Amino acid sequence: MSRDAIWTVPNILTVVRILLTPLFVVAYVGENFNLAWMLFAVAGLTDAFDGFLARIWDQRTQLGAVLDPLADKALLVTSFICLAVKGWIPFWFAVLVVSRDLIIVGGLAVLAFLGVDVKERIKPIWISKFNTAAQIIFVVSVMIHRTFKLDYGFIINTLLTVTAISTVFSGIAYVRRGFKIFSEEGEV
């Protein structure tokens, strides 16, 4: 398949995830929490399936390489802000998640501005993939916990800890990678 193809199944799933984000916000702000967590869960599943299908069907595209992380960040940043505003998660935790993503995106923008081909030089790493999965599981768990008033706070606290640690470590890994690329470019 051509790397320039646009309408592949994985790319369509990514666009669906992007479109589900504002619907999630509308449902959440409207306090239709059953719909909100279901929309978020469906969006989270599209994240798992789009990458899997892109690999097994050999449908990796340049558009998908840009849209997929954008869709992840839009969905997760939005959901963490919503949960923090409602008081469902600690404010510091939302700041941590949002700050990590802003630092990564900002670093990529600086590298791109300096002429670095970030699409070729920066690839997702396992800790980042783990972190995205942990964030999705955390948000769904909090939504279900609060929507159905279930008492499994220990699990939520454990997920919060694991997600916070993976957020920090994945952020550090990307910052280190960015500085390494920056220093390599400066040597040329």
N, C-alpha and C. Protein backbone atom coordinates (compact mmCIF):
# COMPACT_ATOMS: atom_id res chain seq x y z
N MET A 1 0.85 -1.18 0.00
CA MET A 1 0.00 0.00 0.00
C MET A 1 0.88 1.23 0.00
N SER A 2 0.48 2.24 -0.69
CA SER A 2 1.21 3.49 -0.78
C SER A 2 1.19 4.23 0.56
N ARG A 3 2.35 4.78 0.94
CA ARG A 3 2.43 5.57 2.18
C ARG A 3 1.66 6.88 2.03
N ASP A 4 1.24 7.21 0.80
CA ASP A 4 0.50 8.44 0.57
C ASP A 4 -1.01 8.23 0.55
N ALA A 5 -1.46 6.99 0.73
CA ALA A 5 -2.90 6.70 0.73
C ALA A 5 -3.56 7.45 1.89
N ILE A 6 -4.79 7.84 1.67
CA ILE A 6 -5.49 8.60 2.72
C ILE A 6 -6.59 7.76 3.35
N TRP A 7 -7.51 7.25 2.57
CA TRP A 7 -8.69 6.59 3.12
C TRP A 7 -8.47 5.10 3.33
N THR A 8 -7.59 4.78 4.27
CA THR A 8 -7.42 3.40 4.69
C THR A 8 -8.32 3.17 5.91
N VAL A 9 -8.58 1.92 6.21
CA VAL A 9 -9.42 1.61 7.37
C VAL A 9 -8.79 2.17 8.66
N PRO A 10 -7.47 2.00 8.88
CA PRO A 10 -6.89 2.59 10.09
C PRO A 10 -7.06 4.12 10.15
N ASN A 11 -6.90 4.80 9.03
CA ASN A 11 -7.06 6.26 9.04
C ASN A 11 -8.51 6.65 9.30
N ILE A 12 -9.44 5.89 8.77
CA ILE A 12 -10.86 6.16 9.03
C ILE A 12 -11.16 5.99 10.52
N LEU A 13 -10.59 4.93 11.14
CA LEU A 13 -10.78 4.73 12.58
C LEU A 13 -10.18 5.90 13.38
N THR A 14 -9.06 6.41 12.92
CA THR A 14 -8.44 7.55 13.60
C THR A 14 -9.32 8.79 13.48
N VAL A 15 -9.89 9.02 12.30
CA VAL A 15 -10.79 10.16 12.12
C VAL A 15 -12.03 9.99 13.00
N VAL A 16 -12.54 8.77 13.11
CA VAL A 16 -13.68 8.51 13.99
C VAL A 16 -13.32 8.89 15.43
N ARG A 17 -12.10 8.53 15.87
CA ARG A 17 -11.66 8.88 17.22
C ARG A 17 -11.63 10.39 17.41
N ILE A 18 -11.15 11.11 16.42
CA ILE A 18 -11.13 12.57 16.49
C ILE A 18 -12.55 13.11 16.61
N LEU A 19 -13.47 12.57 15.81
CA LEU A 19 -14.85 13.04 15.83
C LEU A 19 -15.59 12.66 17.12
N LEU A 20 -15.18 11.58 17.76
CA LEU A 20 -15.81 11.16 19.02
C LEU A 20 -15.41 12.07 20.18
N THR A 21 -14.28 12.74 20.07
CA THR A 21 -13.81 13.59 21.17
C THR A 21 -14.80 14.70 21.53
N PRO A 22 -15.25 15.53 20.57
CA PRO A 22 -16.22 16.56 20.96
C PRO A 22 -17.55 15.96 21.42
N LEU A 23 -17.93 14.81 20.87
CA LEU A 23 -19.17 14.16 21.33
C LEU A 23 -19.03 13.72 22.78
N PHE A 24 -17.85 13.20 23.13
CA PHE A 24 -17.57 12.84 24.52
C PHE A 24 -17.73 14.06 25.42
N VAL A 25 -17.14 15.19 25.02
CA VAL A 25 -17.20 16.41 25.83
C VAL A 25 -18.65 16.87 26.00
N VAL A 26 -19.42 16.86 24.92
CA VAL A 26 -20.82 17.28 25.01
C VAL A 26 -21.59 16.38 25.96
N ALA A 27 -21.39 15.07 25.86
CA ALA A 27 -22.09 14.14 26.76
C ALA A 27 -21.63 14.35 28.19
N TYR A 28 -20.34 14.53 28.40
CA TYR A 28 -19.80 14.70 29.75
C TYR A 28 -20.29 15.99 30.39
N VAL A 29 -20.16 17.10 29.67
CA VAL A 29 -20.59 18.39 30.20
C VAL A 29 -22.10 18.39 30.45
N GLY A 30 -22.85 17.68 29.60
CA GLY A 30 -24.29 17.54 29.78
C GLY A 30 -24.66 16.52 30.84
N GLU A 31 -23.65 15.97 31.51
CA GLU A 31 -23.80 14.98 32.57
C GLU A 31 -24.54 13.72 32.14
N ASN A 32 -24.40 13.40 30.87
CA ASN A 32 -24.88 12.11 30.36
C ASN A 32 -23.68 11.16 30.43
N PHE A 33 -23.34 10.75 31.66
CA PHE A 33 -22.10 10.03 31.90
C PHE A 33 -22.08 8.63 31.29
N ASN A 34 -23.25 7.97 31.21
CA ASN A 34 -23.28 6.66 30.55
C ASN A 34 -22.83 6.78 29.09
N LEU A 35 -23.38 7.76 28.40
CA LEU A 35 -22.99 7.98 27.01
C LEU A 35 -21.53 8.42 26.92
N ALA A 36 -21.10 9.28 27.84
CA ALA A 36 -19.72 9.80 27.81
C ALA A 36 -18.70 8.68 27.94
N TRP A 37 -18.88 7.78 28.92
CA TRP A 37 -17.87 6.74 29.07
C TRP A 37 -17.93 5.74 27.92
N MET A 38 -19.12 5.51 27.36
CA MET A 38 -19.21 4.60 26.21
C MET A 38 -18.52 5.21 24.99
N LEU A 39 -18.73 6.50 24.75
CA LEU A 39 -18.05 7.17 23.64
C LEU A 39 -16.53 7.12 23.83
N PHE A 40 -16.09 7.37 25.05
CA PHE A 40 -14.66 7.32 25.32
C PHE A 40 -14.12 5.92 25.11
N ALA A 41 -14.85 4.91 25.58
CA ALA A 41 -14.40 3.52 25.42
C ALA A 41 -14.31 3.14 23.95
N VAL A 42 -15.30 3.53 23.16
CA VAL A 42 -15.26 3.25 21.72
C VAL A 42 -14.06 3.95 21.09
N ALA A 43 -13.83 5.20 21.47
CA ALA A 43 -12.68 5.94 20.95
C ALA A 43 -11.38 5.24 21.35
N GLY A 44 -11.31 4.77 22.57
CA GLY A 44 -10.12 4.05 23.03
C GLY A 44 -9.89 2.77 22.26
N LEU A 45 -10.97 2.07 21.95
CA LEU A 45 -10.84 0.84 21.15
C LEU A 45 -10.36 1.14 19.73
N THR A 46 -10.81 2.26 19.17
CA THR A 46 -10.32 2.59 17.82
C THR A 46 -8.82 2.83 17.84
N ASP A 47 -8.29 3.32 18.97
CA ASP A 47 -6.85 3.52 19.09
C ASP A 47 -6.12 2.18 19.01
N ALA A 48 -6.65 1.18 19.67
CA ALA A 48 -6.02 -0.14 19.63
C ALA A 48 -6.13 -0.76 18.24
N PHE A 49 -7.30 -0.64 17.63
CA PHE A 49 -7.53 -1.29 16.35
C PHE A 49 -6.83 -0.62 15.18
N ASP A 50 -6.75 0.71 15.19
CA ASP A 50 -6.16 1.36 14.01
C ASP A 50 -4.69 0.98 13.84
N GLY A 51 -3.94 0.95 14.94
CA GLY A 51 -2.53 0.56 14.84
C GLY A 51 -2.36 -0.90 14.47
N PHE A 52 -3.20 -1.74 15.06
CA PHE A 52 -3.14 -3.18 14.78
C PHE A 52 -3.44 -3.44 13.30
N LEU A 53 -4.52 -2.83 12.80
CA LEU A 53 -4.89 -3.03 11.40
C LEU A 53 -3.86 -2.44 10.45
N ALA A 54 -3.29 -1.31 10.80
CA ALA A 54 -2.26 -0.70 9.95
C ALA A 54 -1.07 -1.65 9.79
N ARG A 55 -0.72 -2.35 10.87
CA ARG A 55 0.41 -3.28 10.80
C ARG A 55 0.05 -4.54 10.02
N ILE A 56 -1.07 -5.18 10.38
CA ILE A 56 -1.35 -6.47 9.75
C ILE A 56 -1.79 -6.33 8.29
N TRP A 57 -2.42 -5.21 7.94
CA TRP A 57 -2.84 -4.99 6.56
C TRP A 57 -1.84 -4.16 5.77
N ASP A 58 -0.72 -3.85 6.41
CA ASP A 58 0.32 -3.03 5.79
C ASP A 58 -0.29 -1.74 5.24
N GLN A 59 -1.03 -1.05 6.10
CA GLN A 59 -1.68 0.21 5.71
C GLN A 59 -1.15 1.39 6.52
N ARG A 60 0.14 1.36 6.80
CA ARG A 60 0.76 2.50 7.48
C ARG A 60 0.91 3.62 6.46
N THR A 61 0.46 4.81 6.83
CA THR A 61 0.52 5.94 5.91
C THR A 61 1.12 7.15 6.61
N GLN A 62 1.56 8.11 5.81
CA GLN A 62 2.09 9.35 6.37
C GLN A 62 0.99 10.10 7.12
N LEU A 63 -0.21 10.12 6.55
CA LEU A 63 -1.33 10.78 7.21
C LEU A 63 -1.62 10.12 8.56
N GLY A 64 -1.64 8.81 8.59
CA GLY A 64 -1.89 8.08 9.83
C GLY A 64 -0.82 8.35 10.88
N ALA A 65 0.43 8.48 10.44
CA ALA A 65 1.53 8.75 11.37
C ALA A 65 1.36 10.10 12.06
N VAL A 66 0.70 11.03 11.39
CA VAL A 66 0.46 12.36 11.97
C VAL A 66 -0.86 12.37 12.75
N LEU A 67 -1.92 11.80 12.15
CA LEU A 67 -3.25 11.86 12.76
C LEU A 67 -3.37 11.03 14.03
N ASP A 68 -2.75 9.86 14.07
CA ASP A 68 -2.94 8.96 15.20
C ASP A 68 -2.50 9.59 16.52
N PRO A 69 -1.27 10.12 16.62
CA PRO A 69 -0.91 10.75 17.90
C PRO A 69 -1.73 12.01 18.19
N LEU A 70 -2.13 12.72 17.15
CA LEU A 70 -2.98 13.91 17.34
C LEU A 70 -4.33 13.49 17.93
N ALA A 71 -4.90 12.42 17.39
CA ALA A 71 -6.19 11.92 17.89
C ALA A 71 -6.06 11.47 19.34
N ASP A 72 -4.96 10.77 19.67
CA ASP A 72 -4.73 10.33 21.06
C ASP A 72 -4.67 11.52 21.99
N LYS A 73 -3.86 12.50 21.62
CA LYS A 73 -3.67 13.66 22.48
C LYS A 73 -4.97 14.45 22.64
N ALA A 74 -5.71 14.63 21.56
CA ALA A 74 -6.98 15.37 21.64
C ALA A 74 -7.94 14.66 22.59
N LEU A 75 -8.09 13.36 22.44
CA LEU A 75 -9.01 12.60 23.28
C LEU A 75 -8.57 12.59 24.74
N LEU A 76 -7.31 12.28 24.97
CA LEU A 76 -6.85 12.12 26.35
C LEU A 76 -6.74 13.45 27.09
N VAL A 77 -6.18 14.46 26.44
CA VAL A 77 -6.06 15.76 27.09
C VAL A 77 -7.46 16.29 27.44
N THR A 78 -8.38 16.19 26.50
CA THR A 78 -9.75 16.65 26.73
C THR A 78 -10.39 15.90 27.89
N SER A 79 -10.23 14.60 27.91
CA SER A 79 -10.87 13.82 28.97
C SER A 79 -10.26 14.10 30.33
N PHE A 80 -8.94 14.26 30.41
CA PHE A 80 -8.33 14.56 31.70
C PHE A 80 -8.75 15.93 32.21
N ILE A 81 -8.88 16.89 31.31
CA ILE A 81 -9.37 18.22 31.72
C ILE A 81 -10.81 18.11 32.24
N CYS A 82 -11.65 17.39 31.51
CA CYS A 82 -13.05 17.21 31.94
C CYS A 82 -13.12 16.56 33.32
N LEU A 83 -12.36 15.50 33.51
CA LEU A 83 -12.40 14.79 34.79
C LEU A 83 -11.89 15.67 35.94
N ALA A 84 -10.87 16.47 35.67
CA ALA A 84 -10.32 17.34 36.72
C ALA A 84 -11.29 18.47 37.06
N VAL A 85 -11.91 19.06 36.04
CA VAL A 85 -12.87 20.15 36.28
C VAL A 85 -14.02 19.65 37.14
N LYS A 86 -14.44 18.42 36.92
CA LYS A 86 -15.55 17.84 37.68
C LYS A 86 -15.10 17.39 39.08
N GLY A 87 -13.79 17.37 39.31
CA GLY A 87 -13.27 16.94 40.61
C GLY A 87 -13.17 15.43 40.73
N TRP A 88 -13.24 14.74 39.62
CA TRP A 88 -13.19 13.28 39.65
C TRP A 88 -11.77 12.75 39.72
N ILE A 89 -10.81 13.56 39.34
CA ILE A 89 -9.40 13.19 39.47
C ILE A 89 -8.68 14.39 40.07
N PRO A 90 -7.52 14.14 40.69
CA PRO A 90 -6.76 15.27 41.24
C PRO A 90 -6.32 16.23 40.14
N PHE A 91 -6.39 17.51 40.44
CA PHE A 91 -6.00 18.53 39.48
C PHE A 91 -4.54 18.36 39.05
N TRP A 92 -3.65 18.01 40.00
CA TRP A 92 -2.24 17.86 39.68
C TRP A 92 -2.03 16.78 38.62
N PHE A 93 -2.88 15.76 38.66
CA PHE A 93 -2.73 14.65 37.72
C PHE A 93 -3.08 15.10 36.30
N ALA A 94 -4.14 15.88 36.17
CA ALA A 94 -4.50 16.42 34.85
C ALA A 94 -3.39 17.34 34.35
N VAL A 95 -2.84 18.16 35.24
CA VAL A 95 -1.74 19.04 34.85
C VAL A 95 -0.54 18.22 34.37
N LEU A 96 -0.24 17.13 35.05
CA LEU A 96 0.87 16.26 34.66
C LEU A 96 0.66 15.71 33.25
N VAL A 97 -0.52 15.16 33.00
CA VAL A 97 -0.81 14.56 31.69
C VAL A 97 -0.77 15.61 30.58
N VAL A 98 -1.43 16.74 30.81
CA VAL A 98 -1.48 17.79 29.80
C VAL A 98 -0.08 18.38 29.57
N SER A 99 0.66 18.60 30.65
CA SER A 99 2.01 19.17 30.52
C SER A 99 2.93 18.25 29.73
N ARG A 100 2.87 16.96 29.99
CA ARG A 100 3.69 16.01 29.25
C ARG A 100 3.42 16.14 27.75
N ASP A 101 2.14 16.17 27.38
CA ASP A 101 1.80 16.25 25.97
C ASP A 101 2.22 17.59 25.36
N LEU A 102 2.05 18.67 26.11
CA LEU A 102 2.48 19.98 25.60
C LEU A 102 4.00 20.03 25.42
N ILE A 103 4.74 19.45 26.34
CA ILE A 103 6.20 19.42 26.23
C ILE A 103 6.62 18.61 25.01
N ILE A 104 5.99 17.46 24.81
CA ILE A 104 6.33 16.62 23.66
C ILE A 104 6.00 17.33 22.35
N VAL A 105 4.79 17.85 22.24
CA VAL A 105 4.38 18.54 21.02
C VAL A 105 5.26 19.78 20.79
N GLY A 106 5.53 20.53 21.86
CA GLY A 106 6.40 21.69 21.73
C GLY A 106 7.80 21.32 21.27
N GLY A 107 8.33 20.25 21.84
CA GLY A 107 9.66 19.77 21.44
C GLY A 107 9.70 19.35 19.99
N LEU A 108 8.66 18.65 19.56
CA LEU A 108 8.58 18.24 18.15
C LEU A 108 8.50 19.45 17.23
N ALA A 109 7.74 20.46 17.65
CA ALA A 109 7.62 21.68 16.84
C ALA A 109 8.96 22.38 16.73
N VAL A 110 9.71 22.46 17.82
CA VAL A 110 11.04 23.10 17.78
C VAL A 110 11.96 22.31 16.86
N LEU A 111 11.99 20.99 17.00
CA LEU A 111 12.84 20.17 16.13
C LEU A 111 12.45 20.33 14.66
N ALA A 112 11.16 20.34 14.38
CA ALA A 112 10.70 20.52 13.00
C ALA A 112 11.10 21.90 12.48
N PHE A 113 10.98 22.91 13.33
CA PHE A 113 11.37 24.26 12.95
C PHE A 113 12.86 24.32 12.61
N LEU A 114 13.65 23.52 13.30
CA LEU A 114 15.09 23.48 13.06
C LEU A 114 15.46 22.60 11.88
N GLY A 115 14.45 22.04 11.21
CA GLY A 115 14.70 21.25 10.01
C GLY A 115 14.85 19.76 10.22
N VAL A 116 14.58 19.29 11.42
CA VAL A 116 14.67 17.85 11.70
C VAL A 116 13.42 17.17 11.17
N ASP A 117 13.59 16.06 10.47
CA ASP A 117 12.46 15.28 9.97
C ASP A 117 11.94 14.44 11.14
N VAL A 118 11.04 15.03 11.95
CA VAL A 118 10.58 14.37 13.16
C VAL A 118 9.78 13.11 12.87
N LYS A 119 9.11 13.06 11.71
CA LYS A 119 8.34 11.85 11.39
C LYS A 119 9.25 10.64 11.25
N GLU A 120 10.46 10.87 10.74
CA GLU A 120 11.40 9.76 10.56
C GLU A 120 12.24 9.51 11.81
N ARG A 121 12.51 10.55 12.58
CA ARG A 121 13.43 10.43 13.70
C ARG A 121 12.75 10.07 15.02
N ILE A 122 11.49 10.41 15.18
CA ILE A 122 10.78 10.14 16.43
C ILE A 122 9.72 9.08 16.17
N LYS A 123 9.91 7.94 16.77
CA LYS A 123 8.95 6.84 16.65
C LYS A 123 8.36 6.55 18.03
N PRO A 124 7.12 6.06 18.08
CA PRO A 124 6.55 5.70 19.38
C PRO A 124 7.40 4.63 20.06
N ILE A 125 7.56 4.77 21.36
CA ILE A 125 8.34 3.80 22.13
C ILE A 125 7.39 3.04 23.05
N TRP A 126 7.84 1.91 23.54
CA TRP A 126 6.95 1.02 24.29
C TRP A 126 6.37 1.71 25.52
N ILE A 127 7.15 2.53 26.24
CA ILE A 127 6.62 3.17 27.44
C ILE A 127 5.51 4.16 27.08
N SER A 128 5.62 4.77 25.91
CA SER A 128 4.58 5.70 25.47
C SER A 128 3.30 4.94 25.10
N LYS A 129 3.47 3.81 24.43
CA LYS A 129 2.30 3.00 24.10
C LYS A 129 1.63 2.48 25.38
N PHE A 130 2.44 2.05 26.33
CA PHE A 130 1.92 1.60 27.62
C PHE A 130 1.18 2.75 28.30
N ASN A 131 1.80 3.94 28.28
CA ASN A 131 1.20 5.11 28.91
C ASN A 131 -0.16 5.45 28.30
N THR A 132 -0.25 5.42 26.98
CA THR A 132 -1.53 5.71 26.32
C THR A 132 -2.59 4.69 26.75
N ALA A 133 -2.21 3.42 26.76
CA ALA A 133 -3.15 2.38 27.20
C ALA A 133 -3.56 2.60 28.66
N ALA A 134 -2.59 2.92 29.52
CA ALA A 134 -2.89 3.16 30.93
C ALA A 134 -3.82 4.36 31.10
N GLN A 135 -3.59 5.42 30.33
CA GLN A 135 -4.45 6.59 30.42
C GLN A 135 -5.88 6.26 29.98
N ILE A 136 -6.02 5.51 28.91
CA ILE A 136 -7.35 5.12 28.43
C ILE A 136 -8.06 4.26 29.48
N ILE A 137 -7.36 3.26 30.00
CA ILE A 137 -7.96 2.39 31.02
C ILE A 137 -8.33 3.19 32.25
N PHE A 138 -7.46 4.12 32.65
CA PHE A 138 -7.74 4.96 33.82
C PHE A 138 -9.01 5.78 33.62
N VAL A 139 -9.12 6.46 32.48
CA VAL A 139 -10.29 7.32 32.24
C VAL A 139 -11.56 6.49 32.22
N VAL A 140 -11.56 5.37 31.52
CA VAL A 140 -12.75 4.51 31.48
C VAL A 140 -13.10 4.03 32.89
N SER A 141 -12.10 3.63 33.65
CA SER A 141 -12.34 3.14 35.01
C SER A 141 -12.93 4.22 35.90
N VAL A 142 -12.39 5.44 35.83
CA VAL A 142 -12.93 6.54 36.62
C VAL A 142 -14.36 6.84 36.21
N MET A 143 -14.60 6.87 34.89
CA MET A 143 -15.96 7.15 34.41
C MET A 143 -16.95 6.10 34.90
N ILE A 144 -16.59 4.84 34.80
CA ILE A 144 -17.49 3.77 35.26
C ILE A 144 -17.66 3.84 36.78
N HIS A 145 -16.56 4.06 37.48
CA HIS A 145 -16.58 4.18 38.95
C HIS A 145 -17.55 5.27 39.39
N ARG A 146 -17.47 6.44 38.77
CA ARG A 146 -18.30 7.58 39.16
C ARG A 146 -19.73 7.46 38.63
N THR A 147 -19.88 6.95 37.41
CA THR A 147 -21.20 6.85 36.82
C THR A 147 -22.09 5.88 37.60
N PHE A 148 -21.52 4.74 37.95
CA PHE A 148 -22.31 3.71 38.63
C PHE A 148 -22.10 3.71 40.14
N LYS A 149 -21.34 4.71 40.63
CA LYS A 149 -21.08 4.86 42.07
C LYS A 149 -20.57 3.54 42.68
N LEU A 150 -19.63 2.92 41.96
CA LEU A 150 -19.02 1.69 42.43
C LEU A 150 -17.93 2.02 43.44
N ASP A 151 -17.70 1.10 44.36
CA ASP A 151 -16.69 1.33 45.38
C ASP A 151 -15.48 0.46 45.10
N TYR A 152 -14.62 0.94 44.21
CA TYR A 152 -13.36 0.26 44.00
C TYR A 152 -12.24 1.29 43.91
N GLY A 153 -12.23 2.14 44.93
CA GLY A 153 -11.26 3.22 45.02
C GLY A 153 -9.82 2.75 45.01
N PHE A 154 -9.56 1.57 45.61
CA PHE A 154 -8.19 1.04 45.63
C PHE A 154 -7.69 0.81 44.21
N ILE A 155 -8.55 0.27 43.36
CA ILE A 155 -8.15 0.03 41.96
C ILE A 155 -7.90 1.35 41.25
N ILE A 156 -8.77 2.33 41.48
CA ILE A 156 -8.60 3.65 40.86
C ILE A 156 -7.29 4.27 41.31
N ASN A 157 -7.00 4.20 42.61
CA ASN A 157 -5.75 4.77 43.12
C ASN A 157 -4.52 4.05 42.56
N THR A 158 -4.62 2.74 42.40
CA THR A 158 -3.52 1.98 41.82
C THR A 158 -3.33 2.38 40.35
N LEU A 159 -4.44 2.48 39.60
CA LEU A 159 -4.35 2.91 38.21
C LEU A 159 -3.79 4.33 38.10
N LEU A 160 -4.19 5.20 39.01
CA LEU A 160 -3.68 6.57 39.02
C LEU A 160 -2.16 6.55 39.20
N THR A 161 -1.68 5.78 40.16
CA THR A 161 -0.25 5.70 40.42
C THR A 161 0.51 5.15 39.22
N VAL A 162 0.03 4.05 38.65
CA VAL A 162 0.69 3.45 37.48
C VAL A 162 0.69 4.43 36.31
N THR A 163 -0.44 5.08 36.09
CA THR A 163 -0.56 6.03 34.98
C THR A 163 0.33 7.24 35.19
N ALA A 164 0.38 7.76 36.41
CA ALA A 164 1.24 8.91 36.69
C ALA A 164 2.71 8.55 36.48
N ILE A 165 3.12 7.39 36.95
CA ILE A 165 4.52 6.97 36.79
C ILE A 165 4.85 6.78 35.31
N SER A 166 3.95 6.14 34.57
CA SER A 166 4.24 5.93 33.14
C SER A 166 4.20 7.25 32.37
N THR A 167 3.38 8.20 32.82
CA THR A 167 3.35 9.53 32.19
C THR A 167 4.69 10.22 32.37
N VAL A 168 5.22 10.18 33.58
CA VAL A 168 6.52 10.81 33.86
C VAL A 168 7.63 10.13 33.06
N PHE A 169 7.69 8.80 33.13
CA PHE A 169 8.78 8.10 32.45
C PHE A 169 8.71 8.24 30.93
N SER A 170 7.50 8.22 30.37
CA SER A 170 7.41 8.38 28.91
C SER A 170 7.77 9.81 28.51
N GLY A 171 7.38 10.77 29.34
CA GLY A 171 7.77 12.16 29.07
C GLY A 171 9.27 12.34 29.10
N ILE A 172 9.91 11.78 30.12
CA ILE A 172 11.37 11.86 30.23
C ILE A 172 12.03 11.18 29.03
N ALA A 173 11.51 10.03 28.63
CA ALA A 173 12.11 9.31 27.50
C ALA A 173 12.05 10.14 26.22
N TYR A 174 10.93 10.80 25.98
CA TYR A 174 10.83 11.64 24.77
C TYR A 174 11.70 12.89 24.87
N VAL A 175 11.78 13.49 26.04
CA VAL A 175 12.64 14.66 26.20
C VAL A 175 14.10 14.28 25.96
N ARG A 176 14.52 13.16 26.52
CA ARG A 176 15.90 12.68 26.30
C ARG A 176 16.14 12.43 24.83
N ARG A 177 15.19 11.79 24.17
CA ARG A 177 15.34 11.51 22.74
C ARG A 177 15.42 12.81 21.94
N GLY A 178 14.58 13.77 22.30
CA GLY A 178 14.60 15.07 21.63
C GLY A 178 15.93 15.78 21.79
N PHE A 179 16.48 15.79 23.03
CA PHE A 179 17.77 16.43 23.26
C PHE A 179 18.89 15.71 22.51
N LYS A 180 18.79 14.40 22.43
CA LYS A 180 19.80 13.63 21.68
C LYS A 180 19.77 14.02 20.21
N ILE A 181 18.59 14.10 19.64
CA ILE A 181 18.46 14.48 18.23
C ILE A 181 18.94 15.91 18.03
N PHE A 182 18.58 16.79 18.97
CA PHE A 182 19.00 18.19 18.88
C PHE A 182 20.52 18.29 18.88
N SER A 183 21.18 17.52 19.79
CA SER A 183 22.63 17.60 19.85
C SER A 183 23.27 16.97 18.61
N GLU A 184 22.68 15.91 18.07
CA GLU A 184 23.20 15.30 16.83
C GLU A 184 23.09 16.26 15.67
N GLU A 185 21.98 16.99 15.60
CA GLU A 185 21.80 17.96 14.52
C GLU A 185 22.78 19.11 14.64
N GLY A 186 23.12 19.47 15.89
CA GLY A 186 24.05 20.57 16.11
C GLY A 186 25.48 20.21 15.70
N GLU A 187 25.77 18.90 15.69
CA GLU A 187 27.11 18.45 15.30
C GLU A 187 27.32 18.44 13.81
N VAL A 188 26.23 18.44 13.04
CA VAL A 188 26.33 18.35 11.58
C VAL A 188 26.81 19.64 10.98
